[in-house]
Amino acid sequence: MSELLPCVTVEPAAEHKATIIWLHGLGADGHDFEPIVPELKVPAELGVKFIFPHAPVIPVTINGGYQMRAWYDIRNADLSQREDEAGVRQSAEQVEQLILHEIEQGIPADKIILAGFSQGGAIALHLATRLDKKLAGIVALSTYLTVPDKLADEKSDTNLNTPIFMAHGQQDPVVPIQRGQYSAKVLEENGFKVQWSDYPMPHAVCLEEIQALGKYIQGVLG
């Protein structure tokens, strides 16, 4: 196994029984969503450990080649042309190593949720739809499906019945809501179960969304 990505970890108050691996957006790091943990109000008895990995630091074309934490390069503003497919696949492999590591530590795959925001959500969707391990849940916030035209050929049936929590801001200027809706449609056409919500917000998260996500987590882990 290659060296694991560096991570911020929030240990459970009780015995460790489940894990949420949460991927941040472009230019952020693993600390970005750390403050959300208490807001989710996940019951202590579920024993959830949160893992927030740091993406590698790479030059990002759309930001003038500036080096920042990113799961893949973004080449231009056109969403259909923007992702660097090789980078998406490489990051998905690195995140898969984190999942396998948790399984090796004794946490079954069906007690693991893979979550992500924006770029991190794109990696979560890419990996979870191709993974041969049955996850508890998949969370994709303010994000979109990369290489949607390849999903039919590459998907695994393992997580077809794993509920995908997708949420998006109605005024998102970074990833327009239409792109999120299109991604949900492609997932559903490929047999995946999507729970879609949208909120009056920009490229962000809001309290109502966090509360809904907390209930989703309890539902899939409880």
Protein backbone atom coordinates (compact mmCIF):
# COMPACT_ATOMS: atom_id res chain seq x y z
CA MET A 1 0.00 0.00 0.00
CA SER A 2 1.34 3.43 -0.92
CA GLU A 3 1.78 6.07 1.76
CA LEU A 4 -1.58 7.37 2.98
CA LEU A 5 -2.64 10.98 2.46
CA PRO A 6 -2.07 13.21 5.52
CA CYS A 7 -5.35 13.75 7.37
CA VAL A 8 -7.06 15.67 10.14
CA THR A 9 -8.81 13.12 12.36
CA VAL A 10 -11.63 13.65 14.83
CA GLU A 11 -11.87 10.58 17.05
CA PRO A 12 -15.25 9.36 18.37
CA ALA A 13 -16.19 9.90 22.01
CA ALA A 14 -17.21 6.26 22.32
CA GLU A 15 -15.88 3.02 20.78
CA HIS A 16 -14.95 3.44 17.10
CA LYS A 17 -17.61 1.69 15.02
CA ALA A 18 -17.92 3.78 11.84
CA THR A 19 -15.90 6.24 9.74
CA ILE A 20 -16.72 9.25 7.58
CA ILE A 21 -14.02 10.24 5.09
CA TRP A 22 -14.71 13.84 3.99
CA LEU A 23 -12.88 15.51 1.09
CA HIS A 24 -12.46 19.30 0.97
CA GLY A 25 -12.77 21.65 -2.01
CA LEU A 26 -10.17 23.39 -4.18
CA GLY A 27 -7.61 25.45 -2.27
CA ALA A 28 -8.91 24.41 1.16
CA ASP A 29 -7.47 21.65 3.37
CA GLY A 30 -8.57 18.97 5.81
CA HIS A 31 -9.31 21.55 8.50
CA ASP A 32 -12.02 23.21 6.35
CA PHE A 33 -14.89 20.98 7.44
CA GLU A 34 -13.54 19.98 10.86
CA PRO A 35 -15.86 22.53 12.62
CA ILE A 36 -18.91 20.85 11.06
CA VAL A 37 -18.56 17.72 13.21
CA PRO A 38 -20.46 19.00 16.30
CA GLU A 39 -23.05 20.68 14.04
CA LEU A 40 -24.04 17.31 12.57
CA LYS A 41 -25.13 16.12 16.04
CA VAL A 42 -24.21 12.51 15.29
CA PRO A 43 -25.08 10.40 18.38
CA ALA A 44 -21.97 9.33 20.31
CA GLU A 45 -23.15 5.72 20.41
CA LEU A 46 -22.66 5.46 16.63
CA GLY A 47 -18.92 5.74 17.33
CA VAL A 48 -18.12 7.79 14.22
CA LYS A 49 -14.53 8.78 13.46
CA PHE A 50 -14.14 11.64 10.97
CA ILE A 51 -11.16 11.66 8.60
CA PHE A 52 -10.48 14.86 6.64
CA PRO A 53 -7.61 14.24 4.20
CA HIS A 54 -5.44 17.00 2.77
CA ALA A 55 -5.33 16.98 -1.04
CA PRO A 56 -1.86 17.15 -2.62
CA VAL A 57 -0.41 20.58 -3.49
CA ILE A 58 -0.37 20.97 -7.30
CA PRO A 59 -0.30 23.85 -9.81
CA VAL A 60 -3.85 24.80 -10.86
CA THR A 61 -4.14 26.11 -14.43
CA ILE A 62 -7.31 28.19 -13.91
CA ASN A 63 -5.50 30.07 -11.11
CA GLY A 64 -2.48 30.93 -13.25
CA GLY A 65 -0.57 27.78 -12.30
CA TYR A 66 -0.54 28.82 -8.63
CA GLN A 67 0.27 25.88 -6.33
CA MET A 68 -2.55 24.94 -3.97
CA ARG A 69 -4.25 21.92 -2.49
CA ALA A 70 -6.34 20.33 -5.23
CA TRP A 71 -7.66 16.87 -6.03
CA TYR A 72 -7.10 17.54 -9.74
CA ASP A 73 -6.16 20.39 -12.05
CA ILE A 74 -8.89 22.66 -13.43
CA ARG A 75 -7.92 23.83 -16.89
CA ASN A 76 -10.71 26.25 -17.78
CA ALA A 77 -14.05 27.61 -16.63
CA ASP A 78 -16.09 25.31 -18.91
CA LEU A 79 -17.37 22.62 -16.56
CA SER A 80 -17.62 20.02 -19.32
CA GLN A 81 -13.92 20.50 -20.18
CA ARG A 82 -12.51 21.54 -16.85
CA GLU A 83 -11.37 18.43 -15.02
CA ASP A 84 -8.04 16.73 -15.44
CA GLU A 85 -9.16 13.10 -15.80
CA ALA A 86 -5.77 11.59 -14.91
CA GLY A 87 -5.71 13.71 -11.73
CA VAL A 88 -9.25 12.62 -10.80
CA ARG A 89 -8.28 8.96 -11.16
CA GLN A 90 -5.05 9.39 -9.19
CA SER A 91 -6.83 11.13 -6.30
CA ALA A 92 -9.59 8.49 -6.33
CA GLU A 93 -6.91 5.80 -5.91
CA GLN A 94 -5.39 7.69 -2.97
CA VAL A 95 -8.78 8.03 -1.27
CA GLU A 96 -9.50 4.35 -1.89
CA GLN A 97 -6.33 3.58 0.09
CA LEU A 98 -7.87 5.43 3.06
CA ILE A 99 -11.01 3.28 2.79
CA LEU A 100 -8.95 0.08 2.61
CA HIS A 101 -6.92 1.22 5.62
CA GLU A 102 -10.12 1.69 7.67
CA ILE A 103 -11.29 -1.79 6.64
CA GLU A 104 -7.91 -3.19 7.73
CA GLN A 105 -8.44 -1.46 11.09
CA GLY A 106 -11.64 -3.48 11.54
CA ILE A 107 -14.30 -1.05 10.29
CA PRO A 108 -16.50 -2.82 7.70
CA ALA A 109 -17.05 -1.00 4.40
CA ASP A 110 -20.77 -0.76 5.13
CA LYS A 111 -19.93 1.41 8.15
CA ILE A 112 -17.94 3.88 6.03
CA ILE A 113 -19.39 7.03 4.44
CA LEU A 114 -17.47 8.79 1.67
CA ALA A 115 -18.26 12.51 1.55
CA GLY A 116 -16.97 15.53 -0.30
CA PHE A 117 -17.60 19.19 -1.12
CA SER A 118 -17.04 20.65 -4.61
CA GLN A 119 -13.82 19.09 -6.00
CA GLY A 120 -13.84 16.66 -3.08
CA GLY A 121 -17.41 15.70 -3.93
CA ALA A 122 -16.37 15.02 -7.52
CA ILE A 123 -13.74 12.55 -6.25
CA ALA A 124 -16.28 10.96 -3.86
CA LEU A 125 -18.76 10.39 -6.72
CA HIS A 126 -16.09 9.11 -9.10
CA LEU A 127 -14.71 6.60 -6.61
CA ALA A 128 -17.92 5.43 -4.93
CA THR A 129 -19.61 4.61 -8.24
CA ARG A 130 -16.65 2.41 -9.27
CA LEU A 131 -15.78 0.86 -5.89
CA ASP A 132 -16.22 -2.88 -5.29
CA LYS A 133 -16.82 -2.33 -1.55
CA LYS A 134 -20.37 -1.68 -0.27
CA LEU A 135 -20.36 1.69 1.51
CA ALA A 136 -22.87 2.94 4.11
CA GLY A 137 -23.36 6.24 2.31
CA ILE A 138 -22.11 8.68 -0.31
CA VAL A 139 -22.31 12.46 0.21
CA ALA A 140 -21.77 14.90 -2.67
CA LEU A 141 -22.17 18.60 -1.81
CA SER A 142 -22.11 21.45 -4.38
CA THR A 143 -20.41 19.21 -6.90
CA TYR A 144 -20.68 17.41 -10.22
CA LEU A 145 -19.87 14.14 -11.94
CA THR A 146 -16.55 14.02 -13.78
CA VAL A 147 -16.32 12.03 -17.05
CA PRO A 148 -20.12 11.34 -17.01
CA ASP A 149 -19.90 9.68 -20.43
CA LYS A 150 -17.65 6.92 -19.00
CA LEU A 151 -19.83 6.01 -16.01
CA ALA A 152 -21.93 3.40 -17.83
CA ASP A 153 -18.82 1.44 -18.85
CA GLU A 154 -16.86 1.87 -15.62
CA LYS A 155 -19.48 1.69 -12.86
CA SER A 156 -19.59 -1.08 -10.29
CA ASP A 157 -22.99 -2.41 -9.21
CA THR A 158 -21.79 -2.70 -5.59
CA ASN A 159 -23.15 0.69 -4.46
CA LEU A 160 -26.24 0.91 -6.68
CA ASN A 161 -28.45 0.77 -3.57
CA THR A 162 -26.23 2.98 -1.40
CA PRO A 163 -28.18 6.26 -0.99
CA ILE A 164 -26.32 9.25 -2.43
CA PHE A 165 -26.97 12.50 -0.53
CA MET A 166 -26.58 15.32 -3.07
CA ALA A 167 -27.13 18.96 -2.10
CA HIS A 168 -26.49 22.17 -4.03
CA GLY A 169 -26.82 25.93 -3.75
CA GLN A 170 -29.42 27.52 -6.01
CA GLN A 171 -27.13 30.55 -6.51
CA ASP A 172 -23.86 28.62 -6.90
CA PRO A 173 -21.56 30.66 -9.21
CA VAL A 174 -18.74 28.08 -9.11
CA VAL A 175 -20.60 24.87 -9.95
CA PRO A 176 -23.96 25.96 -11.44
CA ILE A 177 -26.90 24.02 -10.03
CA GLN A 178 -27.75 22.78 -13.55
CA ARG A 179 -24.48 20.84 -13.56
CA GLY A 180 -25.36 19.23 -10.24
CA GLN A 181 -28.85 18.36 -11.48
CA TYR A 182 -27.42 16.88 -14.68
CA SER A 183 -25.00 14.79 -12.61
CA ALA A 184 -27.86 13.48 -10.45
CA LYS A 185 -29.78 12.58 -13.62
CA VAL A 186 -26.81 10.63 -15.06
CA LEU A 187 -26.36 8.78 -11.75
CA GLU A 188 -30.05 7.84 -11.69
CA GLU A 189 -29.95 6.72 -15.34
CA ASN A 190 -27.11 4.40 -14.32
CA GLY A 191 -29.17 2.88 -11.51
CA PHE A 192 -27.85 4.82 -8.52
CA LYS A 193 -30.19 6.08 -5.77
CA VAL A 194 -29.91 9.88 -5.41
CA GLN A 195 -31.49 11.96 -2.64
CA TRP A 196 -31.40 15.51 -4.07
CA SER A 197 -31.85 18.77 -2.12
CA ASP A 198 -31.07 22.37 -3.05
CA TYR A 199 -30.91 25.45 -0.89
CA PRO A 200 -30.97 29.26 -1.39
CA MET A 201 -27.19 29.68 -1.00
CA PRO A 202 -24.02 30.21 -3.09
CA HIS A 203 -21.08 27.73 -3.28
CA ALA A 204 -21.26 26.89 0.41
CA VAL A 205 -23.06 24.84 3.06
CA CYS A 206 -25.96 26.02 5.21
CA LEU A 207 -27.47 25.01 8.54
CA GLU A 208 -30.58 23.39 7.06
CA GLU A 209 -28.36 21.26 4.79
CA ILE A 210 -26.10 20.25 7.70
CA GLN A 211 -29.15 19.23 9.76
CA ALA A 212 -30.48 17.14 6.85
CA LEU A 213 -27.05 15.56 6.44
CA GLY A 214 -26.92 14.72 10.16
CA LYS A 215 -30.23 12.86 9.82
CA TYR A 216 -28.95 11.06 6.72
CA ILE A 217 -25.82 9.93 8.59
CA GLN A 218 -27.90 8.57 11.45
CA GLY A 219 -30.16 6.80 8.94
CA VAL A 220 -27.39 5.00 7.06
CA LEU A 221 -25.25 4.19 10.12
CA GLY A 222 -28.03 3.57 12.64
